[in-house]
C-alpha atoms as a PDB file:
ATOM      1  CA  MET A   1      87.828-187.303  35.210  1.00  0.00           C
ATOM      2  CA  ARG A   2      88.604-190.986  35.595  1.00  0.00           C
ATOM      3  CA  ALA A   3      89.716-190.481  39.217  1.00  0.00           C
ATOM      4  CA  PHE A   4      86.498-188.557  39.938  1.00  0.00           C
ATOM      5  CA  PHE A   5      84.225-191.375  38.782  1.00  0.00           C
ATOM      6  CA  GLU A   6      86.416-194.089  40.296  1.00  0.00           C
ATOM      7  CA  LEU A   7      85.983-192.385  43.656  1.00  0.00           C
ATOM      8  CA  LEU A   8      82.201-192.071  43.488  1.00  0.00           C
ATOM      9  CA  PHE A   9      81.461-195.353  41.702  1.00  0.00           C
ATOM     10  CA  ASP A  10      82.843-198.861  41.465  1.00  0.00           C
ATOM     11  CA  GLN A  11      84.095-199.878  38.042  1.00  0.00           C
ATOM     12  CA  HIS A  12      81.234-202.237  37.140  1.00  0.00           C
ATOM     13  CA  GLU A  13      78.476-199.756  38.028  1.00  0.00           C
ATOM     14  CA  SER A  14      76.215-197.739  35.737  1.00  0.00           C
ATOM     15  CA  THR A  15      74.606-194.347  36.063  1.00  0.00           C
ATOM     16  CA  CYS A  16      72.850-191.705  33.964  1.00  0.00           C
ATOM     17  CA  PHE A  17      74.940-189.344  31.824  1.00  0.00           C
ATOM     18  CA  ALA A  18      72.928-186.548  30.232  1.00  0.00           C
ATOM     19  CA  ASP A  19      73.285-183.323  28.299  1.00  0.00           C
ATOM     20  CA  THR A  20      70.132-181.851  29.861  1.00  0.00           C
ATOM     21  CA  PRO A  21      68.766-181.951  33.426  1.00  0.00           C
ATOM     22  CA  LYS A  22      65.894-184.108  32.177  1.00  0.00           C
ATOM     23  CA  GLY A  23      68.021-187.046  31.020  1.00  0.00           C
ATOM     24  CA  THR A  24      67.202-190.632  32.006  1.00  0.00           C
ATOM     25  CA  ARG A  25      69.378-192.873  29.787  1.00  0.00           C
ATOM     26  CA  LEU A  26      71.946-195.123  31.526  1.00  0.00           C
ATOM     27  CA  GLN A  27      75.542-196.036  30.683  1.00  0.00           C
ATOM     28  CA  GLY A  28      78.489-197.686  32.370  1.00  0.00           C
ATOM     29  CA  VAL A  29      80.521-195.215  34.424  1.00  0.00           C
ATOM     30  CA  THR A  30      83.528-195.734  32.128  1.00  0.00           C
ATOM     31  CA  HIS A  31      81.594-194.163  29.208  1.00  0.00           C
ATOM     32  CA  PHE A  32      81.612-190.607  30.535  1.00  0.00           C
ATOM     33  CA  ASN A  33      82.381-187.970  27.878  1.00  0.00           C
ATOM     34  CA  PRO A  34      83.118-184.463  29.242  1.00  0.00           C
ATOM     35  CA  ASN A  35      82.397-182.921  25.840  1.00  0.00           C
ATOM     36  CA  SER A  36      78.782-184.076  25.753  1.00  0.00           C
ATOM     37  CA  HIS A  37      77.779-185.033  29.286  1.00  0.00           C
ATOM     38  CA  ALA A  38      76.874-182.011  31.397  1.00  0.00           C
ATOM     39  CA  PHE A  39      75.173-184.054  34.125  1.00  0.00           C
ATOM     40  CA  PHE A  40      75.415-187.390  35.874  1.00  0.00           C
ATOM     41  CA  ALA A  41      73.209-189.192  38.410  1.00  0.00           C
ATOM     42  CA  ILE A  42      74.965-189.283  41.758  1.00  0.00           C
ATOM     43  CA  ASN A  43      74.324-192.954  42.585  1.00  0.00           C
ATOM     44  CA  PRO A  44      74.588-196.253  40.667  1.00  0.00           C
ATOM     45  CA  LEU A  45      71.464-197.334  38.784  1.00  0.00           C
ATOM     46  CA  ASP A  46      70.191-200.710  37.627  1.00  0.00           C
ATOM     47  CA  PRO A  47      71.518-201.191  34.063  1.00  0.00           C
ATOM     48  CA  ARG A  48      69.285-204.180  33.267  1.00  0.00           C
ATOM     49  CA  LYS A  49      65.703-203.174  33.968  1.00  0.00           C
ATOM     50  CA  ASP A  50      63.199-200.630  35.171  1.00  0.00           C
ATOM     51  CA  ARG A  51      62.024-201.970  38.496  1.00  0.00           C
ATOM     52  CA  VAL A  52      58.792-199.950  38.554  1.00  0.00           C
ATOM     53  CA  PRO A  53      57.638-199.051  35.034  1.00  0.00           C
ATOM     54  CA  LEU A  54      54.798-196.588  35.580  1.00  0.00           C
ATOM     55  CA  GLU A  55      54.015-195.311  32.096  1.00  0.00           C
ATOM     56  CA  SER A  56      53.234-196.964  28.774  1.00  0.00           C
ATOM     57  CA  TYR A  57      56.642-195.827  27.509  1.00  0.00           C
ATOM     58  CA  HIS A  58      58.381-197.380  30.543  1.00  0.00           C
ATOM     59  CA  HIS A  59      59.318-200.949  29.690  1.00  0.00           C
ATOM     60  CA  PRO A  60      60.698-203.374  32.306  1.00  0.00           C
ATOM     61  CA  SER A  61      63.642-204.216  30.057  1.00  0.00           C
ATOM     62  CA  LYS A  62      64.541-200.552  29.451  1.00  0.00           C
ATOM     63  CA  PRO A  63      66.582-199.185  32.382  1.00  0.00           C
ATOM     64  CA  ARG A  64      66.270-195.519  33.266  1.00  0.00           C
ATOM     65  CA  ARG A  65      67.138-192.946  35.902  1.00  0.00           C
ATOM     66  CA  ALA A  66      64.632-193.093  38.753  1.00  0.00           C
ATOM     67  CA  ASP A  67      64.924-193.318  42.521  1.00  0.00           C
ATOM     68  CA  HIS A  68      63.490-196.825  42.589  1.00  0.00           C
ATOM     69  CA  ASN A  69      66.241-197.993  40.205  1.00  0.00           C
ATOM     70  CA  VAL A  70      69.133-196.949  42.473  1.00  0.00           C
ATOM     71  CA  THR A  71      71.231-200.010  43.314  1.00  0.00           C
ATOM     72  CA  VAL A  72      73.727-198.542  45.823  1.00  0.00           C
ATOM     73  CA  PHE A  73      72.941-195.702  48.254  1.00  0.00           C
ATOM     74  CA  ARG A  74      76.470-194.340  48.521  1.00  0.00           C
ATOM     75  CA  ASN A  75      76.594-190.684  47.484  1.00  0.00           C
ATOM     76  CA  ILE A  76      74.858-187.613  48.920  1.00  0.00           C
ATOM     77  CA  LEU A  77      74.684-184.323  47.011  1.00  0.00           C
ATOM     78  CA  ILE A  78      75.068-181.006  48.817  1.00  0.00           C
ATOM     79  CA  GLU A  79      74.508-177.916  46.681  1.00  0.00           C
ATOM     80  CA  MET A  80      74.664-174.314  47.817  1.00  0.00           C
ATOM     81  CA  ASP A  81      73.583-171.488  45.522  1.00  0.00           C
ATOM     82  CA  LYS A  82      73.166-168.725  48.085  1.00  0.00           C
ATOM     83  CA  GLY A  83      75.843-166.092  48.451  1.00  0.00           C
ATOM     84  CA  PRO A  84      79.120-165.602  46.552  1.00  0.00           C
ATOM     85  CA  LEU A  85      81.230-168.631  45.707  1.00  0.00           C
ATOM     86  CA  SER A  86      83.919-167.515  48.136  1.00  0.00           C
ATOM     87  CA  GLU A  87      81.392-167.518  50.984  1.00  0.00           C
ATOM     88  CA  GLN A  88      80.100-170.967  50.006  1.00  0.00           C
ATOM     89  CA  TRP A  89      83.612-172.401  50.068  1.00  0.00           C
ATOM     90  CA  ALA A  90      84.471-170.659  53.330  1.00  0.00           C
ATOM     91  CA  TYR A  91      81.360-172.047  55.006  1.00  0.00           C
ATOM     92  CA  ILE A  92      82.095-175.632  53.954  1.00  0.00           C
ATOM     93  CA  ALA A  93      85.632-175.208  55.285  1.00  0.00           C
ATOM     94  CA  LYS A  94      84.311-173.734  58.537  1.00  0.00           C
ATOM     95  CA  ILE A  95      82.029-176.689  59.277  1.00  0.00           C
ATOM     96  CA  ASP A  96      84.662-179.124  57.952  1.00  0.00           C
ATOM     97  CA  LEU A  97      82.194-181.014  55.772  1.00  0.00           C
ATOM     98  CA  PRO A  98      83.685-184.464  55.014  1.00  0.00           C
ATOM     99  CA  PHE A  99      83.022-184.334  51.273  1.00  0.00           C
ATOM    100  CA  ALA A 100      84.595-186.582  48.669  1.00  0.00           C
ATOM    101  CA  SER A 101      84.409-184.219  45.699  1.00  0.00           C
ATOM    102  CA  CYS A 102      83.641-180.640  44.807  1.00  0.00           C
ATOM    103  CA  VAL A 103      82.664-179.515  41.312  1.00  0.00           C
ATOM    104  CA  TYR A 104      82.137-175.893  40.338  1.00  0.00           C
ATOM    105  CA  SER A 105      78.858-175.730  38.443  1.00  0.00           C
ATOM    106  CA  GLY A 106      80.102-173.194  35.898  1.00  0.00           C
ATOM    107  CA  GLY A 107      77.479-170.842  37.298  1.00  0.00           C
ATOM    108  CA  LYS A 108      76.686-169.727  40.820  1.00  0.00           C
ATOM    109  CA  SER A 109      77.255-172.802  42.964  1.00  0.00           C
ATOM    110  CA  TYR A 110      79.503-175.616  44.103  1.00  0.00           C
ATOM    111  CA  HIS A 111      78.307-179.205  44.065  1.00  0.00           C
ATOM    112  CA  PHE A 112      79.747-181.219  46.963  1.00  0.00           C
ATOM    113  CA  ILE A 113      79.299-184.987  47.122  1.00  0.00           C
ATOM    114  CA  LEU A 114      79.738-186.923  50.331  1.00  0.00           C
ATOM    115  CA  SER A 115      80.605-190.515  49.400  1.00  0.00           C
ATOM    116  CA  LEU A 116      80.281-193.306  51.968  1.00  0.00           C
ATOM    117  CA  GLU A 117      82.782-196.137  52.407  1.00  0.00           C
ATOM    118  CA  GLU A 118      79.857-198.284  53.550  1.00  0.00           C
ATOM    119  CA  PRO A 119      76.687-197.403  51.617  1.00  0.00           C
ATOM    120  CA  CYS A 120      73.335-197.126  53.339  1.00  0.00           C
ATOM    121  CA  ALA A 121      71.419-200.389  53.475  1.00  0.00           C
ATOM    122  CA  ASP A 122      68.285-199.035  51.803  1.00  0.00           C
ATOM    123  CA  ARG A 123      66.349-195.951  50.762  1.00  0.00           C
ATOM    124  CA  LYS A 124      64.879-195.401  54.214  1.00  0.00           C
ATOM    125  CA  SER A 125      68.269-195.266  55.932  1.00  0.00           C
ATOM    126  CA  TYR A 126      69.640-193.095  53.096  1.00  0.00           C
ATOM    127  CA  ASP A 127      66.834-190.543  53.514  1.00  0.00           C
ATOM    128  CA  ALA A 128      67.335-190.484  57.268  1.00  0.00           C
ATOM    129  CA  LEU A 129      71.067-189.869  56.886  1.00  0.00           C
ATOM    130  CA  VAL A 130      70.527-187.120  54.309  1.00  0.00           C
ATOM    131  CA  LYS A 131      68.128-185.395  56.686  1.00  0.00           C
ATOM    132  CA  ARG A 132      70.692-185.500  59.498  1.00  0.00           C
ATOM    133  CA  ILE A 133      73.452-184.097  57.280  1.00  0.00           C
ATOM    134  CA  TYR A 134      71.208-181.389  55.832  1.00  0.00           C
ATOM    135  CA  SER A 135      70.122-180.357  59.331  1.00  0.00           C
ATOM    136  CA  VAL A 136      73.661-179.147  60.031  1.00  0.00           C
ATOM    137  CA  MET A 137      73.506-176.606  57.204  1.00  0.00           C
ATOM    138  CA  GLY A 138      69.899-175.467  57.498  1.00  0.00           C
ATOM    139  CA  ASP A 139      68.666-173.166  54.733  1.00  0.00           C
ATOM    140  CA  ARG A 140      72.098-172.651  53.197  1.00  0.00           C
ATOM    141  CA  ILE A 141      71.639-175.645  50.880  1.00  0.00           C
ATOM    142  CA  ASP A 142      69.177-176.677  48.196  1.00  0.00           C
ATOM    143  CA  PRO A 143      66.815-179.215  49.842  1.00  0.00           C
ATOM    144  CA  SER A 144      65.590-180.503  46.472  1.00  0.00           C
ATOM    145  CA  CYS A 145      68.931-182.315  45.997  1.00  0.00           C
ATOM    146  CA  LYS A 146      68.083-184.967  48.582  1.00  0.00           C
ATOM    147  CA  ASN A 147      66.907-187.840  46.365  1.00  0.00           C
ATOM    148  CA  PRO A 148      69.393-190.603  45.451  1.00  0.00           C
ATOM    149  CA  SER A 149      69.033-190.458  41.636  1.00  0.00           C
ATOM    150  CA  ARG A 150      69.563-186.710  41.556  1.00  0.00           C
ATOM    151  CA  LEU A 151      71.594-185.234  38.689  1.00  0.00           C
ATOM    152  CA  SER A 152      74.693-183.204  39.493  1.00  0.00           C
ATOM    153  CA  ARG A 153      77.057-181.189  37.319  1.00  0.00           C
ATOM    154  CA  ALA A 154      79.754-183.301  35.684  1.00  0.00           C
ATOM    155  CA  PRO A 155      83.339-181.986  35.687  1.00  0.00           C
ATOM    156  CA  GLY A 156      85.015-180.906  32.466  1.00  0.00           C
ATOM    157  CA  TYR A 157      81.911-179.756  30.589  1.00  0.00           C
ATOM    158  CA  PHE A 158      81.900-176.277  29.019  1.00  0.00           C
ATOM    159  CA  ARG A 159      78.694-174.311  29.623  1.00  0.00           C
ATOM    160  CA  GLU A 160      78.095-172.111  26.593  1.00  0.00           C
ATOM    161  CA  GLU A 161      75.447-170.045  28.379  1.00  0.00           C
ATOM    162  CA  THR A 162      77.932-168.926  31.043  1.00  0.00           C
ATOM    163  CA  GLY A 163      81.176-169.270  29.087  1.00  0.00           C
ATOM    164  CA  LYS A 164      82.701-171.319  31.916  1.00  0.00           C
ATOM    165  CA  TYR A 165      83.832-174.868  32.567  1.00  0.00           C
ATOM    166  CA  GLN A 166      82.345-177.096  35.235  1.00  0.00           C
ATOM    167  CA  ASN A 167      85.669-177.519  37.012  1.00  0.00           C
ATOM    168  CA  LEU A 168      86.686-180.262  39.408  1.00  0.00           C
ATOM    169  CA  ASN A 169      87.815-178.184  42.391  1.00  0.00           C
ATOM    170  CA  ASP A 170      88.694-180.879  44.910  1.00  0.00           C
ATOM    171  CA  LEU A 171      88.890-184.656  45.127  1.00  0.00           C
ATOM    172  CA  ARG A 172      89.375-186.428  48.452  1.00  0.00           C
ATOM    173  CA  ALA A 173      88.164-189.824  49.655  1.00  0.00           C
ATOM    174  CA  ARG A 174      85.093-191.741  50.733  1.00  0.00           C
ATOM    175  CA  VAL A 175      84.146-191.154  54.357  1.00  0.00           C
ATOM    176  CA  SER A 176      83.813-193.879  56.979  1.00  0.00           C
ATOM    177  CA  GLN A 177      80.684-194.266  59.090  1.00  0.00           C
ATOM    178  CA  LYS A 178      82.793-193.640  62.181  1.00  0.00           C
ATOM    179  CA  ASP A 179      84.129-190.318  60.874  1.00  0.00           C
ATOM    180  CA  LEU A 180      80.724-189.196  59.620  1.00  0.00           C
ATOM    181  CA  THR A 181      79.073-190.001  62.940  1.00  0.00           C
ATOM    182  CA  ALA A 182      81.787-188.038  64.767  1.00  0.00           C
ATOM    183  CA  TRP A 183      81.251-185.074  62.433  1.00  0.00           C
ATOM    184  CA  LEU A 184      77.486-185.115  62.955  1.00  0.00           C
ATOM    185  CA  GLN A 185      77.894-185.323  66.725  1.00  0.00           C
ATOM    186  CA  SER A 186      80.341-182.411  66.669  1.00  0.00           C
ATOM    187  CA  HIS A 187      77.508-180.333  65.192  1.00  0.00           C
ATOM    188  CA  GLY A 188      74.938-181.496  67.716  1.00  0.00           C
ATOM    189  CA  VAL A 189      73.232-184.128  65.560  1.00  0.00           C
ATOM    190  CA  GLY A 190      72.629-187.343  67.483  1.00  0.00           C
ATOM    191  CA  SER A 191      72.997-190.886  66.243  1.00  0.00           C
ATOM    192  CA  GLU A 192      69.290-191.697  66.355  1.00  0.00           C
ATOM    193  CA  GLU A 193      67.572-191.919  62.986  1.00  0.00           C
ATOM    194  CA  PRO A 194      64.675-189.502  62.476  1.00  0.00           C
ATOM    195  CA  GLU A 195      61.715-190.227  60.298  1.00  0.00           C
ATOM    196  CA  PRO A 196      62.688-190.459  56.620  1.00  0.00           C
ATOM    197  CA  VAL A 197      62.620-187.236  54.639  1.00  0.00           C
ATOM    198  CA  TYR A 198      61.016-188.964  51.655  1.00  0.00           C
ATOM    199  CA  ALA A 199      57.476-190.253  51.324  1.00  0.00           C
ATOM    200  CA  PRO A 200      55.826-190.999  47.966  1.00  0.00           C
ATOM    201  CA  PRO A 201      52.979-188.535  47.456  1.00  0.00           C
ATOM    202  CA  THR A 202      49.522-190.022  47.608  1.00  0.00           C
ATOM    203  CA  GLU A 203      48.011-186.979  45.965  1.00  0.00           C
ATOM    204  CA  ILE A 204      49.136-183.741  44.370  1.00  0.00           C
ATOM    205  CA  PHE A 205      46.796-181.271  46.037  1.00  0.00           C
ATOM    206  CA  SER A 206      43.731-182.169  48.031  1.00  0.00           C
ATOM    207  CA  SER A 207      41.554-179.396  46.585  1.00  0.00           C
ATOM    208  CA  THR A 208      40.718-180.383  43.017  1.00  0.00           C
ATOM    209  CA  GLU A 209      42.133-183.591  41.566  1.00  0.00           C
ATOM    210  CA  VAL A 210      44.160-183.424  38.380  1.00  0.00           C
ATOM    211  CA  TYR A 211      44.228-186.185  35.794  1.00  0.00           C
ATOM    212  CA  ALA A 212      46.205-189.345  36.541  1.00  0.00           C
ATOM    213  CA  SER A 213      48.517-188.524  33.613  1.00  0.00           C
ATOM    214  CA  THR A 214      49.353-185.178  35.226  1.00  0.00           C
ATOM    215  CA  GLN A 215      50.068-186.848  38.564  1.00  0.00           C
ATOM    216  CA  ARG A 216      52.368-189.359  36.860  1.00  0.00           C
ATOM    217  CA  PHE A 217      54.218-186.562  35.068  1.00  0.00           C
ATOM    218  CA  LEU A 218      54.780-184.707  38.339  1.00  0.00           C
ATOM    219  CA  ARG A 219      56.151-187.905  39.897  1.00  0.00           C
ATOM    220  CA  GLU A 220      58.184-189.355  37.055  1.00  0.00           C
ATOM    221  CA  GLY A 221      58.661-186.780  34.315  1.00  0.00           C
ATOM    222  CA  ALA A 222      58.141-187.295  30.587  1.00  0.00           C
ATOM    223  CA  PRO A 223      59.482-189.716  27.976  1.00  0.00           C
ATOM    224  CA  GLU A 224      62.568-188.589  26.107  1.00  0.00           C
ATOM    225  CA  GLY A 225      61.734-186.116  23.354  1.00  0.00           C
ATOM    226  CA  SER A 226      58.298-185.213  24.699  1.00  0.00           C
ATOM    227  CA  TRP A 227      59.066-183.058  27.736  1.00  0.00           C
ATOM    228  CA  ASN A 228      57.680-179.803  26.336  1.00  0.00           C
ATOM    229  CA  THR A 229      54.413-181.334  25.083  1.00  0.00           C
ATOM    230  CA  THR A 230      53.835-183.265  28.304  1.00  0.00           C
ATOM    231  CA  LEU A 231      54.663-180.216  30.416  1.00  0.00           C
ATOM    232  CA  PHE A 232      52.156-178.104  28.471  1.00  0.00           C
ATOM    233  CA  LYS A 233      49.350-180.677  28.804  1.00  0.00           C
ATOM    234  CA  ALA A 234      49.969-181.124  32.519  1.00  0.00           C
ATOM    235  CA  ALA A 235      50.041-177.370  33.094  1.00  0.00           C
ATOM    236  CA  CYS A 236      46.786-176.884  31.169  1.00  0.00           C
ATOM    237  CA  ASP A 237      45.143-179.573  33.285  1.00  0.00           C
ATOM    238  CA  ALA A 238      46.443-178.149  36.571  1.00  0.00           C
ATOM    239  CA  PHE A 239      45.364-174.598  35.739  1.00  0.00           C
ATOM    240  CA  ALA A 240      41.928-175.798  34.665  1.00  0.00           C
ATOM    241  CA  LYS A 241      41.609-177.424  38.103  1.00  0.00           C
ATOM    242  CA  GLY A 242      42.416-174.199  39.931  1.00  0.00           C
ATOM    243  CA  TRP A 243      46.159-174.403  40.544  1.00  0.00           C
ATOM    244  CA  SER A 244      48.149-171.192  40.649  1.00  0.00           C
ATOM    245  CA  GLN A 245      51.249-170.704  38.503  1.00  0.00           C
ATOM    246  CA  ASN A 246      53.413-170.844  41.623  1.00  0.00           C
ATOM    247  CA  ASP A 247      51.869-174.173  42.686  1.00  0.00           C
ATOM    248  CA  PHE A 248      52.575-175.759  39.334  1.00  0.00           C
ATOM    249  CA  ILE A 249      56.076-174.286  38.910  1.00  0.00           C
ATOM    250  CA  GLU A 250      57.036-175.576  42.357  1.00  0.00           C
ATOM    251  CA  ARG A 251      55.866-179.110  41.604  1.00  0.00           C
ATOM    252  CA  ALA A 252      57.206-179.231  38.034  1.00  0.00           C
ATOM    253  CA  GLY A 253      60.543-177.857  39.158  1.00  0.00           C
ATOM    254  CA  ALA A 254      60.878-180.679  41.672  1.00  0.00           C
ATOM    255  CA  ILE A 255      60.821-183.334  38.904  1.00  0.00           C
ATOM    256  CA  THR A 256      64.343-182.638  37.720  1.00  0.00           C
ATOM    257  CA  GLY A 257      65.348-179.738  39.944  1.00  0.00           C
ATOM    258  CA  HIS A 258      65.474-177.423  36.949  1.00  0.00           C
ATOM    259  CA  LEU A 259      63.111-175.340  34.851  1.00  0.00           C
ATOM    260  CA  ASP A 260      64.703-173.301  32.079  1.00  0.00           C
ATOM    261  CA  ALA A 261      63.384-170.242  30.256  1.00  0.00           C
ATOM    262  CA  LYS A 262      61.646-172.405  27.635  1.00  0.00           C
ATOM    263  CA  ASP A 263      59.873-174.404  30.350  1.00  0.00           C
ATOM    264  CA  LEU A 264      58.615-171.248  32.033  1.00  0.00           C
ATOM    265  CA  SER A 265      57.415-169.903  28.678  1.00  0.00           C
ATOM    266  CA  THR A 266      55.497-173.152  28.108  1.00  0.00           C
ATOM    267  CA  ILE A 267      53.872-172.831  31.528  1.00  0.00           C
ATOM    268  CA  ARG A 268      52.873-169.221  30.845  1.00  0.00           C
ATOM    269  CA  SER A 269      51.330-170.282  27.532  1.00  0.00           C
ATOM    270  CA  ALA A 270      49.311-172.953  29.318  1.00  0.00           C
ATOM    271  CA  TRP A 271      48.198-170.364  31.884  1.00  0.00           C
ATOM    272  CA  SER A 272      47.035-167.989  29.131  1.00  0.00           C
ATOM    273  CA  ARG A 273      45.132-170.785  27.415  1.00  0.00           C
ATOM    274  CA  ALA A 274      43.434-171.810  30.653  1.00  0.00           C
ATOM    275  CA  ARG A 275      42.329-168.216  31.348  1.00  0.00           C
ATOM    276  CA  GLN A 276      40.987-167.852  27.814  1.00  0.00           C
ATOM    277  CA  LYS A 277      38.930-171.033  28.184  1.00  0.00           C
ATOM    278  CA  ALA A 278      37.643-169.854  31.558  1.00  0.00           C
ATOM    279  CA  GLY A 279      36.280-166.843  29.705  1.00  0.00           C
END
């Protein structure tokens, strides 16, 4: 485990370790505990402050996991959950993806991380590089994994729901810009930078505007300990404004990349309440 984190992070860096996919709390990378930390944020995060506190419960002196708090744009997550595990591994071998690490999720996918010797200069160049890498693999990968503070499965954790460990399958090295460029070119991806894949949303849907609190939730999530309540209120608001269940599930799922059975039950309850009020 120590070698895994020493490869992806430098010793002085901090990131988010969490036991749920909604975690935001930061720690130094040396504090990882495989018995309690199922997830980790793939890039280093600012351990001193929140650079853009957006909610009343976000304080500038309280650091947290968020894209705007990433300090080094080094690691890129590539997750495939389509097809059997053997096919996923065979495909990565076929295209010779220059990954640094591979962790088995303990479920239906592998999590590959491509770690750069020379990190991207900023978020714009990171997004552009992610888009170029993702273009090689098309629809085989999960496109929601593209943001730099994304959580990934941490090695060594036992998943009770599947009865399997999140195993560290392979550990290699950081990739040089020269080697990455050569790999991209070998798959027909030029060196020019396309438009960034990320753009902060200016609105949720143009049809009927939801409350500002709902928009903030869909951008930033909820404070620790209040996810279910905040999710329910946001869903009630969205459904009252004419959203479909699919619309809301798609947007809510993009916050953390994960909605569990309890989350979906909460959304259905909000849908039922909205229909009852509509008469």
